[in-house]
Amino acid sequence: MSSISDDSSWWAQIDSYHVYSYFIAASAVVVSYDWALTFGQEIELVWRRRWSFMTALFLIVRYTGMLYAVVFVFCEIINSASLCISFVINGMLGVIMITRLFAMYQQSKKVLILLVVIFLAITITCGVITAIQTRYISVEDLIIPGSYCQPQCLIGGNVPLTAEYWLLGTAWEVLTLCLALWSAAKHFRELHQPWTRRTIGDCFTVLIKSHVLYFASFVAVSCFQLGYLSPTILDSTTVGTEIYGGVLQIFSLVQMFVLGPRLILDVRKYHAKLVADSDAAITTTTIVFLDRAQVSTSSDV
């Protein structure tokens, strides 16, 4: 639906949107730069390896982010589409987290069942919330004479369910971080042999480092999202508010499309380095997540 307005008050909103568009371009540059920076590793560690479920997740998250960032530069993505993309990508990242924790806990079925049940409960609830939010979002193309752009005004998009969505996401991320830290601490405490301690210890260091970095980005995004629970920010169209939203946009894309794929890429890079530095006997033993259980060196994670 399109409407024409000569209300001069819209000019301030257009100017603030121009500021926000700079941050959109910056977020696309960040995602593209990371892709270019790690493309060589991606070819070696993903494309040339045996394809698996983790490979599919990596490629979907990676190239959905590329497409999302590029499309967002040239045309504004409707808020409902953005919500759906975030929901799907966060679901895939949750599956990656479950796979990592399943390996860290020596493929414990109890841990797997616990994580899957909690993840499904949170995902289904968040899916319902997302569906409700998208129902209340409509788009109107506002045409202002003398303006070379047609900003899309989202009407009815403020639904008081954001806090619940945020709380569920935060609960899941805190749970996975605590389980990862507990597993790492338990393994470090139980290790006795110096060689095993170095090998498994280095592996868990890589796992915890990537997990903590991802969690730190989630905390940053969550803090900015909390600001939108305030009507002062939510209903404002000032330049400062657009800058606030632009910074949130950058952090969100970095969390999902830069640090998300690195949860897989960093582990595969460490595994490849360990295999390259080891002799033929070591490459056939367990070296990735466990210190006692036997795991193939062609780990999919």
Protein backbone atom coordinates (compact mmCIF):
# COMPACT_ATOMS: atom_id res chain seq x y z
CA MET A 1 0.00 0.00 0.00
CA SER A 2 1.34 3.45 -0.96
CA SER A 3 0.36 6.90 0.20
CA ILE A 4 1.55 10.40 -0.69
CA SER A 5 2.29 12.94 1.98
CA ASP A 6 3.60 16.51 1.89
CA ASP A 7 4.04 16.65 5.65
CA SER A 8 7.43 18.29 6.26
CA SER A 9 7.77 16.52 9.60
CA TRP A 10 8.74 13.37 7.71
CA TRP A 11 12.00 14.97 6.58
CA ALA A 12 13.56 14.50 10.01
CA GLN A 13 12.73 10.80 9.88
CA ILE A 14 14.20 10.53 6.39
CA ASP A 15 17.43 12.19 7.54
CA SER A 16 17.69 9.84 10.50
CA TYR A 17 17.07 6.87 8.20
CA HIS A 18 19.99 8.00 6.05
CA VAL A 19 22.20 7.72 9.12
CA TYR A 20 20.88 4.22 9.77
CA SER A 21 21.61 3.23 6.17
CA TYR A 22 25.31 3.92 6.75
CA PHE A 23 25.33 1.34 9.52
CA ILE A 24 23.54 -1.12 7.24
CA ALA A 25 26.34 -0.69 4.71
CA ALA A 26 28.95 -1.04 7.46
CA SER A 27 27.41 -4.32 8.68
CA ALA A 28 27.48 -5.68 5.11
CA VAL A 29 31.15 -4.72 4.84
CA VAL A 30 31.96 -6.50 8.12
CA VAL A 31 30.25 -9.73 7.03
CA SER A 32 31.81 -9.60 3.55
CA TYR A 33 35.27 -8.87 4.98
CA ASP A 34 35.08 -11.86 7.31
CA TRP A 35 33.99 -14.05 4.41
CA ALA A 36 36.94 -12.90 2.31
CA LEU A 37 39.30 -13.32 5.27
CA THR A 38 38.27 -16.93 5.96
CA PHE A 39 37.39 -18.08 2.44
CA GLY A 40 40.67 -19.97 2.04
CA GLN A 41 40.04 -21.85 5.29
CA GLU A 42 36.47 -22.50 4.20
CA ILE A 43 37.66 -24.12 0.96
CA GLU A 44 40.17 -26.29 2.78
CA LEU A 45 38.13 -27.22 5.85
CA VAL A 46 34.58 -27.33 4.47
CA TRP A 47 34.32 -27.68 0.71
CA ARG A 48 37.13 -30.25 0.37
CA ARG A 49 35.99 -32.36 3.32
CA ARG A 50 33.37 -35.05 3.44
CA TRP A 51 29.98 -33.37 3.56
CA SER A 52 27.93 -33.77 6.69
CA PHE A 53 25.08 -32.18 8.60
CA MET A 54 27.52 -29.71 10.19
CA THR A 55 28.77 -28.77 6.73
CA ALA A 56 25.22 -27.98 5.63
CA LEU A 57 24.59 -25.87 8.74
CA PHE A 58 27.83 -23.96 8.22
CA LEU A 59 27.09 -23.14 4.58
CA ILE A 60 23.47 -22.16 5.24
CA VAL A 61 24.41 -19.80 8.08
CA ARG A 62 27.40 -18.38 6.22
CA TYR A 63 25.70 -17.64 2.91
CA THR A 64 22.36 -16.63 4.36
CA GLY A 65 24.34 -13.95 6.17
CA MET A 66 26.02 -12.86 2.96
CA LEU A 67 22.70 -12.67 1.13
CA TYR A 68 20.99 -10.93 4.04
CA ALA A 69 23.72 -8.29 4.33
CA VAL A 70 23.90 -7.55 0.60
CA VAL A 71 20.11 -7.40 0.11
CA PHE A 72 19.76 -5.14 3.15
CA VAL A 73 22.13 -2.61 1.56
CA PHE A 74 20.05 -2.19 -1.60
CA CYS A 75 16.57 -2.48 -0.16
CA GLU A 76 15.15 -2.36 3.35
CA ILE A 77 14.12 -5.80 4.55
CA ILE A 78 10.65 -5.79 6.04
CA ASN A 79 10.70 -6.25 9.78
CA SER A 80 8.73 -9.49 9.60
CA ALA A 81 11.28 -11.01 7.20
CA SER A 82 14.10 -9.93 9.48
CA LEU A 83 12.39 -11.58 12.46
CA CYS A 84 11.93 -14.84 10.57
CA ILE A 85 15.54 -14.91 9.35
CA SER A 86 16.85 -14.29 12.86
CA PHE A 87 14.59 -17.03 14.24
CA VAL A 88 15.78 -19.62 11.69
CA ILE A 89 19.48 -18.74 12.00
CA ASN A 90 19.37 -18.77 15.81
CA GLY A 91 17.72 -22.18 15.61
CA MET A 92 20.59 -23.49 13.49
CA LEU A 93 23.14 -22.00 15.87
CA GLY A 94 21.32 -23.79 18.68
CA VAL A 95 21.74 -27.10 16.86
CA ILE A 96 25.47 -26.37 16.50
CA MET A 97 25.68 -25.72 20.24
CA ILE A 98 23.91 -28.99 21.02
CA THR A 99 26.34 -30.90 18.80
CA ARG A 100 29.36 -29.32 20.49
CA LEU A 101 28.05 -30.05 23.98
CA PHE A 102 27.10 -33.60 23.01
CA ALA A 103 30.72 -34.20 21.99
CA MET A 104 32.14 -32.43 25.04
CA TYR A 105 30.07 -34.64 27.35
CA GLN A 106 31.43 -37.84 25.74
CA GLN A 107 28.28 -38.37 23.67
CA SER A 108 26.09 -38.71 26.74
CA LYS A 109 22.52 -39.54 25.72
CA LYS A 110 21.19 -37.98 28.93
CA VAL A 111 22.81 -34.66 28.10
CA LEU A 112 21.60 -34.88 24.51
CA ILE A 113 18.00 -35.56 25.54
CA LEU A 114 18.10 -32.75 28.11
CA LEU A 115 19.43 -30.25 25.58
CA VAL A 116 17.03 -31.31 22.82
CA VAL A 117 13.98 -31.10 25.10
CA ILE A 118 14.93 -27.66 26.42
CA PHE A 119 15.87 -26.43 22.94
CA LEU A 120 12.60 -27.62 21.39
CA ALA A 121 10.55 -26.04 24.16
CA ILE A 122 12.33 -22.70 23.77
CA THR A 123 12.29 -22.83 19.97
CA ILE A 124 8.59 -23.64 19.73
CA THR A 125 7.73 -20.86 22.18
CA CYS A 126 9.93 -18.37 20.31
CA GLY A 127 8.36 -19.50 17.04
CA VAL A 128 4.90 -18.72 18.38
CA ILE A 129 6.10 -15.32 19.58
CA THR A 130 7.65 -14.59 16.18
CA ALA A 131 4.44 -15.59 14.39
CA ILE A 132 2.41 -13.31 16.63
CA GLN A 133 4.80 -10.42 16.07
CA THR A 134 4.71 -10.76 12.28
CA ARG A 135 0.91 -10.71 12.31
CA TYR A 136 0.93 -7.21 13.74
CA ILE A 137 3.41 -5.80 11.25
CA SER A 138 2.16 -4.14 8.12
CA VAL A 139 4.11 -2.07 5.66
CA GLU A 140 3.19 1.17 4.01
CA ASP A 141 5.26 2.89 1.33
CA LEU A 142 5.23 6.57 2.13
CA ILE A 143 5.94 8.81 -0.87
CA ILE A 144 7.00 12.35 -0.07
CA PRO A 145 7.13 14.83 -2.96
CA GLY A 146 10.65 16.15 -3.49
CA SER A 147 12.27 13.13 -1.83
CA TYR A 148 14.33 10.67 -3.84
CA CYS A 149 13.65 7.80 -1.44
CA GLN A 150 10.54 5.97 -0.29
CA PRO A 151 11.09 4.82 3.29
CA GLN A 152 8.94 1.97 4.48
CA CYS A 153 6.98 2.76 7.61
CA LEU A 154 6.24 -0.21 9.81
CA ILE A 155 2.81 0.11 11.37
CA GLY A 156 1.63 -1.89 14.35
CA GLY A 157 4.99 -3.58 14.84
CA ASN A 158 5.31 -2.93 18.56
CA VAL A 159 4.11 -6.06 20.28
CA PRO A 160 4.73 -6.46 24.05
CA LEU A 161 6.29 -9.91 23.63
CA THR A 162 9.89 -8.90 23.00
CA ALA A 163 10.84 -9.31 26.66
CA GLU A 164 9.66 -12.94 26.72
CA TYR A 165 11.58 -13.69 23.53
CA TRP A 166 14.69 -12.08 24.99
CA LEU A 167 14.40 -13.98 28.27
CA LEU A 168 14.07 -17.34 26.54
CA GLY A 169 17.05 -16.68 24.29
CA THR A 170 19.15 -15.51 27.22
CA ALA A 171 18.22 -18.59 29.29
CA TRP A 172 19.35 -20.89 26.47
CA GLU A 173 22.68 -19.10 25.92
CA VAL A 174 23.47 -19.02 29.65
CA LEU A 175 22.64 -22.72 29.95
CA THR A 176 24.92 -23.74 27.06
CA LEU A 177 27.77 -21.57 28.36
CA CYS A 178 27.51 -23.04 31.88
CA LEU A 179 27.45 -26.60 30.52
CA ALA A 180 30.49 -25.92 28.34
CA LEU A 181 32.45 -24.37 31.21
CA TRP A 182 31.50 -27.22 33.55
CA SER A 183 32.60 -29.85 31.03
CA ALA A 184 35.90 -28.07 30.39
CA ALA A 185 36.62 -27.68 34.11
CA LYS A 186 35.80 -31.34 34.74
CA HIS A 187 38.14 -32.55 31.99
CA PHE A 188 41.00 -30.28 33.04
CA ARG A 189 40.69 -31.58 36.60
CA GLU A 190 40.63 -35.26 35.60
CA LEU A 191 43.52 -35.19 33.14
CA HIS A 192 46.70 -36.86 34.42
CA GLN A 193 48.97 -37.78 31.52
CA PRO A 194 51.02 -34.79 30.29
CA TRP A 195 50.51 -35.56 26.58
CA THR A 196 46.79 -36.12 27.00
CA ARG A 197 46.55 -32.99 29.11
CA ARG A 198 48.18 -30.92 26.41
CA THR A 199 46.12 -32.39 23.55
CA ILE A 200 42.70 -32.39 25.20
CA GLY A 201 43.47 -29.19 27.09
CA ASP A 202 44.29 -27.33 23.88
CA CYS A 203 41.11 -28.65 22.28
CA PHE A 204 38.90 -27.51 25.13
CA THR A 205 40.70 -24.17 25.13
CA VAL A 206 39.67 -23.69 21.50
CA LEU A 207 36.10 -24.73 22.28
CA ILE A 208 35.74 -22.47 25.30
CA LYS A 209 37.43 -19.53 23.58
CA SER A 210 35.04 -19.62 20.61
CA HIS A 211 32.05 -20.20 22.89
CA VAL A 212 32.89 -17.33 25.24
CA LEU A 213 33.49 -14.98 22.31
CA TYR A 214 30.13 -15.93 20.83
CA PHE A 215 28.43 -15.48 24.20
CA ALA A 216 30.05 -12.05 24.64
CA SER A 217 28.57 -10.96 21.30
CA PHE A 218 25.19 -12.29 22.41
CA VAL A 219 25.42 -10.24 25.62
CA ALA A 220 26.21 -7.12 23.59
CA VAL A 221 23.22 -7.72 21.29
CA SER A 222 20.95 -8.46 24.25
CA CYS A 223 21.92 -5.25 26.02
CA PHE A 224 21.04 -3.20 22.96
CA GLN A 225 17.80 -5.12 22.46
CA LEU A 226 16.79 -4.37 26.04
CA GLY A 227 16.88 -0.68 25.15
CA TYR A 228 14.01 -1.20 22.73
CA LEU A 229 11.80 -2.19 25.64
CA SER A 230 11.87 1.49 26.57
CA PRO A 231 9.17 3.57 24.82
CA THR A 232 11.64 6.47 24.72
CA ILE A 233 13.82 4.58 22.24
CA LEU A 234 11.14 2.47 20.58
CA ASP A 235 8.92 5.41 19.57
CA SER A 236 11.72 7.83 18.76
CA THR A 237 12.92 8.69 15.24
CA THR A 238 15.88 10.88 16.15
CA VAL A 239 19.36 10.51 14.69
CA GLY A 240 20.60 9.17 18.02
CA THR A 241 18.01 6.40 17.96
CA GLU A 242 18.99 5.44 14.42
CA ILE A 243 22.64 5.26 15.48
CA TYR A 244 21.57 3.05 18.37
CA GLY A 245 19.71 0.77 15.97
CA GLY A 246 22.63 0.79 13.54
CA VAL A 247 25.08 -0.39 16.19
CA LEU A 248 22.62 -3.13 17.14
CA GLN A 249 22.43 -4.14 13.48
CA ILE A 250 26.22 -4.53 13.28
CA PHE A 251 26.46 -6.55 16.50
CA SER A 252 23.55 -8.79 15.45
CA LEU A 253 25.09 -9.65 12.09
CA VAL A 254 28.49 -10.27 13.66
CA GLN A 255 26.96 -12.62 16.22
CA MET A 256 24.90 -14.65 13.75
CA PHE A 257 26.94 -14.60 10.54
CA VAL A 258 30.54 -14.09 11.67
CA LEU A 259 30.96 -15.73 15.09
CA GLY A 260 28.25 -18.32 14.42
CA PRO A 261 30.08 -20.06 11.53
CA ARG A 262 33.36 -19.78 13.45
CA LEU A 263 31.92 -22.15 16.06
CA ILE A 264 32.47 -24.84 13.44
CA LEU A 265 35.40 -23.38 11.53
CA ASP A 266 37.68 -22.85 14.56
CA VAL A 267 37.27 -26.46 15.73
CA ARG A 268 37.94 -27.83 12.26
CA LYS A 269 40.99 -25.60 11.94
CA TYR A 270 42.38 -26.89 15.23
CA HIS A 271 41.64 -30.49 14.23
CA ALA A 272 43.40 -30.04 10.88
CA LYS A 273 46.44 -28.49 12.58
CA LEU A 274 46.62 -31.30 15.12
CA VAL A 275 46.40 -33.96 12.42
CA ALA A 276 49.08 -32.22 10.36
CA ASP A 277 51.44 -32.06 13.35
CA SER A 278 50.87 -35.67 14.43
CA ASP A 279 52.19 -38.95 13.12
CA ALA A 280 50.09 -41.69 11.56
CA ALA A 281 49.41 -43.40 14.87
CA ILE A 282 48.12 -40.30 16.57
CA THR A 283 45.82 -39.39 13.70
CA THR A 284 43.81 -42.60 14.24
CA THR A 285 43.22 -42.03 17.96
CA THR A 286 40.82 -39.85 19.79
CA ILE A 287 42.08 -36.26 19.75
CA VAL A 288 39.21 -33.85 19.45
CA PHE A 289 36.74 -33.69 22.32
CA LEU A 290 37.18 -36.69 24.59
CA ASP A 291 39.96 -38.04 26.74
CA ARG A 292 38.66 -41.58 27.13
CA ALA A 293 35.92 -42.23 24.58
CA GLN A 294 37.02 -43.21 21.10
CA VAL A 295 36.18 -40.61 18.48
CA SER A 296 37.09 -40.61 14.80
CA THR A 297 39.56 -37.97 13.69
CA SER A 298 37.24 -36.97 10.87
CA SER A 299 35.07 -35.04 13.31
CA ASP A 300 32.14 -33.28 11.69
CA VAL A 301 32.10 -30.52 14.30
